[in-house]
Amino acid sequence: MCGALLALSLLALPACSYSTDFVVVNDSGSPVEVRYTLKSRYRRDECCTVRPAKKAFDKLDDGDTPWRDVPAGEFSHDRAAGAVTLTLYPGEALRVAKGSNWRGHGDSSGDEFFEIESISIAGAGGGVHYEGRQAQYQFQQQDSQLYKLTYYGWGDKAYDGGR
């Protein structure tokens, strides 16, 4: 009986597991350069623990639209700095990290395992740079499986209230 209960409880665990995407969105009218660095424990010779991937930002809520891995020739990876740099075009979303069973900002175990050390976005409307917890907390919760950092490029597109 105890063995059956243990087996049943172990089977239930994967059903409760979920992943959360951390995404940069270009909601400006021009391309932007995105550069992010990974914390030292997440740096790999072959790039990243989560390969950069893109999709149209109006498809973020569409679970049927898959992420497209960014081909190696479309981003640069500085192994020594643990940095990834690429161009994000208007209307695109870039997945830069994933969290497993993410419980939100401020959860000590989640904060410890957030992969991003810093992030910079530069475009025609100016640039931003965030480090440490500031980098993490710029990603705003959309739902349990999506946190989004949006670049608006204030000078090249009318602000629409942060859709």
N, C-alpha and C. Protein backbone atom coordinates (compact mmCIF):
# COMPACT_ATOMS: atom_id res chain seq x y z
N MET A 1 0.82 -1.19 0.00
CA MET A 1 0.00 0.00 0.00
C MET A 1 0.86 1.25 0.00
N CYS A 2 1.88 1.28 0.88
CA CYS A 2 2.76 2.46 0.95
C CYS A 2 3.49 2.67 -0.37
N GLY A 3 3.92 1.57 -0.99
CA GLY A 3 4.62 1.66 -2.27
C GLY A 3 3.73 2.25 -3.35
N ALA A 4 2.46 1.84 -3.35
CA ALA A 4 1.52 2.36 -4.35
C ALA A 4 1.27 3.85 -4.14
N LEU A 5 1.16 4.28 -2.88
CA LEU A 5 0.96 5.71 -2.60
C LEU A 5 2.18 6.53 -3.02
N LEU A 6 3.36 6.00 -2.75
CA LEU A 6 4.59 6.68 -3.13
C LEU A 6 4.67 6.81 -4.65
N ALA A 7 4.38 5.74 -5.37
CA ALA A 7 4.42 5.77 -6.83
C ALA A 7 3.40 6.77 -7.37
N LEU A 8 2.21 6.79 -6.80
CA LEU A 8 1.18 7.71 -7.23
C LEU A 8 1.59 9.16 -6.98
N SER A 9 2.19 9.43 -5.84
CA SER A 9 2.61 10.79 -5.52
C SER A 9 3.75 11.23 -6.44
N LEU A 10 4.64 10.33 -6.82
CA LEU A 10 5.72 10.67 -7.75
C LEU A 10 5.19 10.95 -9.14
N LEU A 11 4.16 10.25 -9.55
CA LEU A 11 3.55 10.50 -10.86
C LEU A 11 2.88 11.86 -10.90
N ALA A 12 2.38 12.33 -9.80
CA ALA A 12 1.68 13.62 -9.76
C ALA A 12 2.64 14.80 -9.84
N LEU A 13 3.88 14.62 -9.44
CA LEU A 13 4.85 15.72 -9.42
C LEU A 13 5.06 16.37 -10.78
N PRO A 14 5.31 15.63 -11.87
CA PRO A 14 5.54 16.28 -13.15
C PRO A 14 4.34 17.10 -13.63
N ALA A 15 3.15 16.73 -13.25
CA ALA A 15 1.96 17.45 -13.68
C ALA A 15 1.92 18.87 -13.11
N CYS A 16 2.59 19.09 -11.99
CA CYS A 16 2.60 20.40 -11.36
C CYS A 16 3.76 21.27 -11.85
N SER A 17 4.63 20.72 -12.64
CA SER A 17 5.80 21.44 -13.11
C SER A 17 5.44 22.32 -14.32
N TYR A 18 6.03 23.51 -14.37
CA TYR A 18 5.82 24.40 -15.51
C TYR A 18 7.07 25.25 -15.69
N SER A 19 7.19 25.83 -16.87
CA SER A 19 8.32 26.72 -17.12
C SER A 19 7.81 28.12 -17.41
N THR A 20 8.64 29.10 -17.11
CA THR A 20 8.31 30.50 -17.31
C THR A 20 9.33 31.10 -18.26
N ASP A 21 8.86 31.77 -19.31
CA ASP A 21 9.74 32.43 -20.26
C ASP A 21 9.98 33.87 -19.84
N PHE A 22 11.24 34.31 -19.98
CA PHE A 22 11.61 35.71 -19.76
C PHE A 22 11.95 36.27 -21.13
N VAL A 23 11.19 37.29 -21.53
CA VAL A 23 11.16 37.74 -22.91
C VAL A 23 11.41 39.25 -23.00
N VAL A 24 12.20 39.64 -24.00
CA VAL A 24 12.38 41.05 -24.35
C VAL A 24 11.54 41.30 -25.59
N VAL A 25 10.74 42.37 -25.57
CA VAL A 25 9.86 42.72 -26.68
C VAL A 25 10.29 44.05 -27.28
N ASN A 26 10.38 44.10 -28.60
CA ASN A 26 10.66 45.35 -29.30
C ASN A 26 9.35 45.92 -29.82
N ASP A 27 8.81 46.89 -29.06
CA ASP A 27 7.56 47.55 -29.45
C ASP A 27 7.87 48.96 -29.97
N SER A 28 8.99 49.09 -30.67
CA SER A 28 9.36 50.36 -31.27
C SER A 28 9.25 50.23 -32.78
N GLY A 29 9.53 51.28 -33.46
CA GLY A 29 9.43 51.26 -34.92
C GLY A 29 10.73 50.96 -35.62
N SER A 30 11.78 50.56 -34.87
CA SER A 30 13.07 50.30 -35.50
C SER A 30 13.79 49.16 -34.76
N PRO A 31 14.81 48.58 -35.42
CA PRO A 31 15.57 47.50 -34.78
C PRO A 31 16.30 48.01 -33.54
N VAL A 32 16.52 47.10 -32.60
CA VAL A 32 17.30 47.40 -31.40
C VAL A 32 18.38 46.34 -31.23
N GLU A 33 19.44 46.73 -30.53
CA GLU A 33 20.47 45.76 -30.18
C GLU A 33 20.23 45.33 -28.74
N VAL A 34 20.16 44.04 -28.53
CA VAL A 34 19.98 43.49 -27.18
C VAL A 34 21.27 42.76 -26.82
N ARG A 35 21.79 43.06 -25.64
CA ARG A 35 22.97 42.37 -25.12
C ARG A 35 22.65 41.95 -23.68
N TYR A 36 22.80 40.68 -23.41
CA TYR A 36 22.59 40.22 -22.05
C TYR A 36 23.72 39.30 -21.65
N THR A 37 24.07 39.37 -20.36
CA THR A 37 25.11 38.51 -19.83
C THR A 37 24.50 37.55 -18.82
N LEU A 38 25.07 36.37 -18.79
CA LEU A 38 24.61 35.34 -17.88
C LEU A 38 25.49 35.32 -16.64
N LYS A 39 24.90 34.97 -15.51
CA LYS A 39 25.68 34.79 -14.29
C LYS A 39 26.72 33.70 -14.55
N SER A 40 27.85 33.79 -13.87
CA SER A 40 28.97 32.90 -14.16
C SER A 40 28.61 31.42 -14.11
N ARG A 41 27.75 31.01 -13.21
CA ARG A 41 27.43 29.57 -13.12
C ARG A 41 26.58 29.08 -14.29
N TYR A 42 26.01 29.99 -15.10
CA TYR A 42 25.20 29.59 -16.25
C TYR A 42 25.94 29.75 -17.58
N ARG A 43 27.20 30.17 -17.53
CA ARG A 43 27.97 30.36 -18.76
C ARG A 43 28.44 29.02 -19.30
N ARG A 44 28.33 28.89 -20.61
CA ARG A 44 28.73 27.66 -21.29
C ARG A 44 29.60 28.03 -22.49
N ASP A 45 30.49 27.16 -22.88
CA ASP A 45 31.31 27.40 -24.07
C ASP A 45 30.46 27.49 -25.32
N GLU A 46 29.42 26.67 -25.39
CA GLU A 46 28.59 26.60 -26.59
C GLU A 46 27.45 27.61 -26.58
N CYS A 47 27.46 28.56 -25.73
CA CYS A 47 26.51 29.68 -25.64
C CYS A 47 25.78 29.68 -24.33
N CYS A 48 24.57 29.22 -24.33
CA CYS A 48 23.69 29.52 -23.20
C CYS A 48 22.95 28.27 -22.74
N THR A 49 22.43 28.34 -21.53
CA THR A 49 21.60 27.23 -21.08
C THR A 49 20.28 27.22 -21.84
N VAL A 50 19.81 28.41 -22.21
CA VAL A 50 18.61 28.56 -23.04
C VAL A 50 19.02 29.31 -24.30
N ARG A 51 18.96 28.64 -25.42
CA ARG A 51 19.35 29.28 -26.68
C ARG A 51 18.40 30.44 -26.96
N PRO A 52 18.93 31.59 -27.45
CA PRO A 52 18.04 32.69 -27.79
C PRO A 52 17.03 32.23 -28.84
N ALA A 53 15.79 32.63 -28.64
CA ALA A 53 14.71 32.23 -29.56
C ALA A 53 13.77 33.41 -29.76
N LYS A 54 13.14 33.47 -30.93
CA LYS A 54 12.26 34.58 -31.27
C LYS A 54 10.89 34.09 -31.71
N LYS A 55 9.92 34.99 -31.58
CA LYS A 55 8.62 34.83 -32.20
C LYS A 55 7.99 36.21 -32.25
N ALA A 56 6.94 36.37 -33.05
CA ALA A 56 6.25 37.65 -33.13
C ALA A 56 5.63 37.94 -31.77
N PHE A 57 5.76 39.18 -31.28
CA PHE A 57 5.26 39.45 -29.93
C PHE A 57 3.75 39.39 -29.85
N ASP A 58 3.05 39.54 -30.97
CA ASP A 58 1.60 39.39 -30.92
C ASP A 58 1.18 37.91 -30.84
N LYS A 59 2.16 37.00 -30.87
CA LYS A 59 1.90 35.56 -30.75
C LYS A 59 2.37 35.01 -29.39
N LEU A 60 2.78 35.90 -28.47
CA LEU A 60 3.26 35.43 -27.17
C LEU A 60 2.24 34.60 -26.43
N ASP A 61 0.98 34.95 -26.55
CA ASP A 61 -0.08 34.22 -25.85
C ASP A 61 -0.55 32.99 -26.60
N ASP A 62 -0.03 32.78 -27.80
CA ASP A 62 -0.45 31.66 -28.65
C ASP A 62 0.49 30.48 -28.41
N GLY A 63 0.04 29.52 -27.63
CA GLY A 63 0.84 28.35 -27.33
C GLY A 63 1.11 27.47 -28.54
N ASP A 64 0.34 27.66 -29.61
CA ASP A 64 0.55 26.86 -30.83
C ASP A 64 1.65 27.42 -31.71
N THR A 65 2.09 28.65 -31.45
CA THR A 65 3.17 29.26 -32.24
C THR A 65 4.49 28.97 -31.52
N PRO A 66 5.34 28.16 -32.14
CA PRO A 66 6.59 27.78 -31.46
C PRO A 66 7.63 28.90 -31.49
N TRP A 67 8.55 28.84 -30.55
CA TRP A 67 9.72 29.71 -30.57
C TRP A 67 10.65 29.20 -31.66
N ARG A 68 11.31 30.13 -32.37
CA ARG A 68 12.30 29.78 -33.39
C ARG A 68 13.69 30.06 -32.81
N ASP A 69 14.52 29.03 -32.69
CA ASP A 69 15.90 29.26 -32.24
C ASP A 69 16.58 30.22 -33.19
N VAL A 70 17.31 31.17 -32.63
CA VAL A 70 18.07 32.11 -33.45
C VAL A 70 19.28 31.37 -34.00
N PRO A 71 19.46 31.38 -35.33
CA PRO A 71 20.62 30.69 -35.92
C PRO A 71 21.93 31.29 -35.41
N ALA A 72 22.96 30.46 -35.32
CA ALA A 72 24.26 30.88 -34.78
C ALA A 72 24.81 32.13 -35.48
N GLY A 73 24.59 32.29 -36.76
CA GLY A 73 25.11 33.45 -37.49
C GLY A 73 24.39 34.75 -37.21
N GLU A 74 23.28 34.70 -36.45
CA GLU A 74 22.48 35.91 -36.19
C GLU A 74 22.65 36.45 -34.78
N PHE A 75 23.56 35.87 -34.02
CA PHE A 75 23.89 36.44 -32.71
C PHE A 75 25.36 36.18 -32.43
N SER A 76 25.92 36.99 -31.56
CA SER A 76 27.31 36.76 -31.16
C SER A 76 27.33 36.32 -29.70
N HIS A 77 28.31 35.49 -29.41
CA HIS A 77 28.46 34.97 -28.05
C HIS A 77 29.89 35.22 -27.60
N ASP A 78 30.05 36.05 -26.60
CA ASP A 78 31.36 36.34 -26.01
C ASP A 78 31.52 35.39 -24.82
N ARG A 79 32.30 34.32 -25.01
CA ARG A 79 32.46 33.31 -23.97
C ARG A 79 33.04 33.88 -22.69
N ALA A 80 34.05 34.72 -22.83
CA ALA A 80 34.73 35.27 -21.64
C ALA A 80 33.78 36.10 -20.79
N ALA A 81 32.95 36.90 -21.42
CA ALA A 81 32.02 37.76 -20.69
C ALA A 81 30.69 37.07 -20.40
N GLY A 82 30.44 35.94 -21.06
CA GLY A 82 29.16 35.26 -20.91
C GLY A 82 28.02 36.06 -21.51
N ALA A 83 28.33 36.81 -22.59
CA ALA A 83 27.35 37.74 -23.17
C ALA A 83 26.85 37.27 -24.52
N VAL A 84 25.58 37.53 -24.77
CA VAL A 84 24.92 37.27 -26.04
C VAL A 84 24.45 38.62 -26.58
N THR A 85 24.73 38.88 -27.86
CA THR A 85 24.31 40.14 -28.49
C THR A 85 23.63 39.81 -29.80
N LEU A 86 22.50 40.49 -30.05
CA LEU A 86 21.79 40.29 -31.32
C LEU A 86 20.86 41.45 -31.60
N THR A 87 20.32 41.46 -32.80
CA THR A 87 19.37 42.48 -33.23
C THR A 87 17.96 41.93 -33.07
N LEU A 88 17.10 42.76 -32.51
CA LEU A 88 15.69 42.41 -32.35
C LEU A 88 14.89 43.41 -33.17
N TYR A 89 14.12 42.92 -34.12
CA TYR A 89 13.39 43.78 -35.05
C TYR A 89 12.04 44.17 -34.48
N PRO A 90 11.44 45.26 -35.01
CA PRO A 90 10.13 45.69 -34.52
C PRO A 90 9.11 44.55 -34.59
N GLY A 91 8.34 44.42 -33.53
CA GLY A 91 7.31 43.38 -33.48
C GLY A 91 7.80 42.01 -33.07
N GLU A 92 9.09 41.90 -32.74
CA GLU A 92 9.63 40.61 -32.33
C GLU A 92 9.77 40.52 -30.82
N ALA A 93 9.70 39.29 -30.34
CA ALA A 93 9.96 38.97 -28.94
C ALA A 93 11.15 38.02 -28.91
N LEU A 94 12.01 38.20 -27.92
CA LEU A 94 13.22 37.40 -27.76
C LEU A 94 13.20 36.71 -26.41
N ARG A 95 13.24 35.39 -26.41
CA ARG A 95 13.33 34.65 -25.14
C ARG A 95 14.79 34.59 -24.73
N VAL A 96 15.09 35.15 -23.55
CA VAL A 96 16.47 35.20 -23.07
C VAL A 96 16.72 34.23 -21.92
N ALA A 97 15.68 33.78 -21.25
CA ALA A 97 15.85 32.86 -20.12
C ALA A 97 14.55 32.11 -19.87
N LYS A 98 14.67 31.02 -19.12
CA LYS A 98 13.50 30.24 -18.69
C LYS A 98 13.67 29.94 -17.21
N GLY A 99 12.58 29.95 -16.51
CA GLY A 99 12.58 29.55 -15.11
C GLY A 99 11.74 28.31 -14.96
N SER A 100 12.10 27.44 -14.05
CA SER A 100 11.32 26.24 -13.79
C SER A 100 10.55 26.43 -12.49
N ASN A 101 9.23 26.29 -12.57
CA ASN A 101 8.36 26.47 -11.41
C ASN A 101 8.59 27.83 -10.74
N TRP A 102 8.75 28.87 -11.55
CA TRP A 102 9.04 30.22 -11.07
C TRP A 102 7.88 30.73 -10.23
N ARG A 103 8.18 31.21 -9.04
CA ARG A 103 7.13 31.69 -8.13
C ARG A 103 7.08 33.20 -8.04
N GLY A 104 7.86 33.88 -8.84
CA GLY A 104 7.79 35.34 -8.88
C GLY A 104 9.00 36.01 -8.27
N HIS A 105 9.14 37.27 -8.58
CA HIS A 105 10.23 38.06 -8.02
C HIS A 105 10.07 38.12 -6.51
N GLY A 106 11.20 38.10 -5.83
CA GLY A 106 11.18 38.17 -4.37
C GLY A 106 11.20 36.82 -3.70
N ASP A 107 10.96 35.75 -4.45
CA ASP A 107 11.08 34.40 -3.90
C ASP A 107 12.56 34.07 -3.85
N SER A 108 13.10 33.84 -2.69
CA SER A 108 14.56 33.69 -2.54
C SER A 108 15.14 32.59 -3.41
N SER A 109 14.46 31.46 -3.52
CA SER A 109 15.02 30.38 -4.35
C SER A 109 14.95 30.76 -5.83
N GLY A 110 13.90 31.44 -6.26
CA GLY A 110 13.80 31.88 -7.65
C GLY A 110 14.82 32.95 -7.97
N ASP A 111 14.99 33.92 -7.08
CA ASP A 111 15.96 34.99 -7.30
C ASP A 111 17.36 34.42 -7.46
N GLU A 112 17.68 33.42 -6.65
CA GLU A 112 19.01 32.81 -6.70
C GLU A 112 19.27 32.14 -8.05
N PHE A 113 18.24 31.57 -8.67
CA PHE A 113 18.43 30.82 -9.91
C PHE A 113 18.10 31.62 -11.17
N PHE A 114 17.84 32.92 -11.05
CA PHE A 114 17.62 33.74 -12.24
C PHE A 114 18.95 33.85 -12.99
N GLU A 115 18.97 33.53 -14.28
CA GLU A 115 20.20 33.37 -15.04
C GLU A 115 20.86 34.68 -15.49
N ILE A 116 20.08 35.73 -15.66
CA ILE A 116 20.58 36.96 -16.28
C ILE A 116 21.30 37.83 -15.25
N GLU A 117 22.53 38.25 -15.59
CA GLU A 117 23.31 39.14 -14.73
C GLU A 117 23.09 40.60 -15.12
N SER A 118 23.01 40.87 -16.43
CA SER A 118 22.77 42.24 -16.90
C SER A 118 22.10 42.18 -18.26
N ILE A 119 21.42 43.27 -18.62
CA ILE A 119 20.79 43.38 -19.92
C ILE A 119 20.83 44.82 -20.38
N SER A 120 21.15 45.01 -21.66
CA SER A 120 21.18 46.32 -22.28
C SER A 120 20.37 46.27 -23.56
N ILE A 121 19.62 47.33 -23.81
CA ILE A 121 18.86 47.45 -25.06
C ILE A 121 19.14 48.84 -25.60
N ALA A 122 19.58 48.91 -26.86
CA ALA A 122 19.89 50.20 -27.48
C ALA A 122 19.19 50.28 -28.83
N GLY A 123 18.50 51.40 -29.05
CA GLY A 123 17.80 51.61 -30.30
C GLY A 123 17.74 53.08 -30.64
N ALA A 124 16.98 53.39 -31.68
CA ALA A 124 16.87 54.77 -32.14
C ALA A 124 16.30 55.69 -31.07
N GLY A 125 15.49 55.15 -30.17
CA GLY A 125 14.86 55.95 -29.12
C GLY A 125 15.69 56.04 -27.85
N GLY A 126 16.93 55.54 -27.86
CA GLY A 126 17.77 55.59 -26.67
C GLY A 126 18.12 54.21 -26.19
N GLY A 127 18.80 54.16 -25.06
CA GLY A 127 19.25 52.88 -24.53
C GLY A 127 18.98 52.75 -23.05
N VAL A 128 18.93 51.51 -22.59
CA VAL A 128 18.77 51.20 -21.17
C VAL A 128 19.76 50.11 -20.82
N HIS A 129 20.19 50.11 -19.56
CA HIS A 129 21.10 49.08 -19.07
C HIS A 129 20.71 48.77 -17.62
N TYR A 130 20.55 47.49 -17.33
CA TYR A 130 20.19 47.05 -15.98
C TYR A 130 21.14 45.94 -15.56
N GLU A 131 21.47 45.92 -14.26
CA GLU A 131 22.35 44.89 -13.72
C GLU A 131 21.72 44.28 -12.47
N GLY A 132 22.12 43.04 -12.20
CA GLY A 132 21.70 42.36 -10.97
C GLY A 132 20.18 42.27 -10.84
N ARG A 133 19.71 42.55 -9.65
CA ARG A 133 18.26 42.45 -9.39
C ARG A 133 17.48 43.44 -10.26
N GLN A 134 18.09 44.60 -10.60
CA GLN A 134 17.38 45.53 -11.49
C GLN A 134 17.09 44.86 -12.82
N ALA A 135 18.05 44.09 -13.34
CA ALA A 135 17.83 43.38 -14.60
C ALA A 135 16.67 42.40 -14.45
N GLN A 136 16.66 41.65 -13.37
CA GLN A 136 15.60 40.67 -13.14
C GLN A 136 14.24 41.33 -13.01
N TYR A 137 14.16 42.39 -12.22
CA TYR A 137 12.87 43.00 -11.91
C TYR A 137 12.31 43.85 -13.04
N GLN A 138 13.06 44.08 -14.11
CA GLN A 138 12.52 44.78 -15.27
C GLN A 138 11.53 43.90 -16.04
N PHE A 139 11.66 42.60 -15.86
CA PHE A 139 10.73 41.67 -16.50
C PHE A 139 9.44 41.67 -15.69
N GLN A 140 8.36 42.13 -16.30
CA GLN A 140 7.08 42.25 -15.61
C GLN A 140 6.21 41.02 -15.88
N GLN A 141 5.57 40.53 -14.84
CA GLN A 141 4.75 39.33 -14.95
C GLN A 141 3.51 39.58 -15.80
N GLN A 142 3.32 38.72 -16.81
CA GLN A 142 2.12 38.72 -17.62
C GLN A 142 1.17 37.62 -17.15
N ASP A 143 1.76 36.47 -16.82
CA ASP A 143 1.05 35.35 -16.20
C ASP A 143 2.13 34.44 -15.61
N SER A 144 1.76 33.28 -15.12
CA SER A 144 2.75 32.43 -14.43
C SER A 144 3.82 31.90 -15.38
N GLN A 145 3.57 31.97 -16.68
CA GLN A 145 4.52 31.41 -17.63
C GLN A 145 5.18 32.46 -18.52
N LEU A 146 4.97 33.75 -18.24
CA LEU A 146 5.55 34.79 -19.08
C LEU A 146 5.87 36.05 -18.28
N TYR A 147 7.14 36.46 -18.35
CA TYR A 147 7.59 37.74 -17.81
C TYR A 147 8.18 38.50 -18.99
N LYS A 148 7.84 39.78 -19.10
CA LYS A 148 8.16 40.54 -20.30
C LYS A 148 8.83 41.87 -19.96
N LEU A 149 9.91 42.18 -20.68
CA LEU A 149 10.56 43.48 -20.62
C LEU A 149 10.33 44.12 -21.99
N THR A 150 9.65 45.25 -22.04
CA THR A 150 9.29 45.88 -23.31
C THR A 150 10.12 47.13 -23.57
N TYR A 151 10.70 47.20 -24.77
CA TYR A 151 11.39 48.41 -25.23
C TYR A 151 10.43 49.15 -26.15
N TYR A 152 10.11 50.41 -25.77
CA TYR A 152 9.16 51.19 -26.56
C TYR A 152 9.82 52.11 -27.56
N GLY A 153 11.04 52.56 -27.32
CA GLY A 153 11.69 53.48 -28.25
C GLY A 153 10.91 54.77 -28.39
N TRP A 154 10.71 55.43 -27.28
CA TRP A 154 9.80 56.57 -27.15
C TRP A 154 9.80 57.53 -28.33
N GLY A 155 10.94 57.78 -28.93
CA GLY A 155 10.99 58.79 -29.99
C GLY A 155 10.47 58.36 -31.34
N ASP A 156 10.31 57.05 -31.57
CA ASP A 156 9.97 56.60 -32.91
C ASP A 156 8.58 55.98 -33.02
N LYS A 157 7.80 56.02 -31.95
CA LYS A 157 6.46 55.45 -31.99
C LYS A 157 5.63 56.08 -30.87
N ALA A 158 4.40 56.36 -31.16
CA ALA A 158 3.55 56.94 -30.12
C ALA A 158 3.32 55.93 -29.01
N TYR A 159 3.41 56.40 -27.77
CA TYR A 159 3.18 55.53 -26.62
C TYR A 159 1.71 55.18 -26.54
N ASP A 160 1.41 53.91 -26.36
CA ASP A 160 0.02 53.46 -26.36
C ASP A 160 -0.46 53.00 -24.98
N GLY A 161 0.21 53.41 -23.94
CA GLY A 161 -0.24 53.03 -22.59
C GLY A 161 0.34 51.73 -22.10
N GLY A 162 1.28 51.14 -22.83
CA GLY A 162 1.94 49.92 -22.36
C GLY A 162 1.19 48.64 -22.63
N ARG A 163 0.61 48.51 -23.80
CA ARG A 163 -0.16 47.31 -24.12
C ARG A 163 0.57 46.05 -23.91
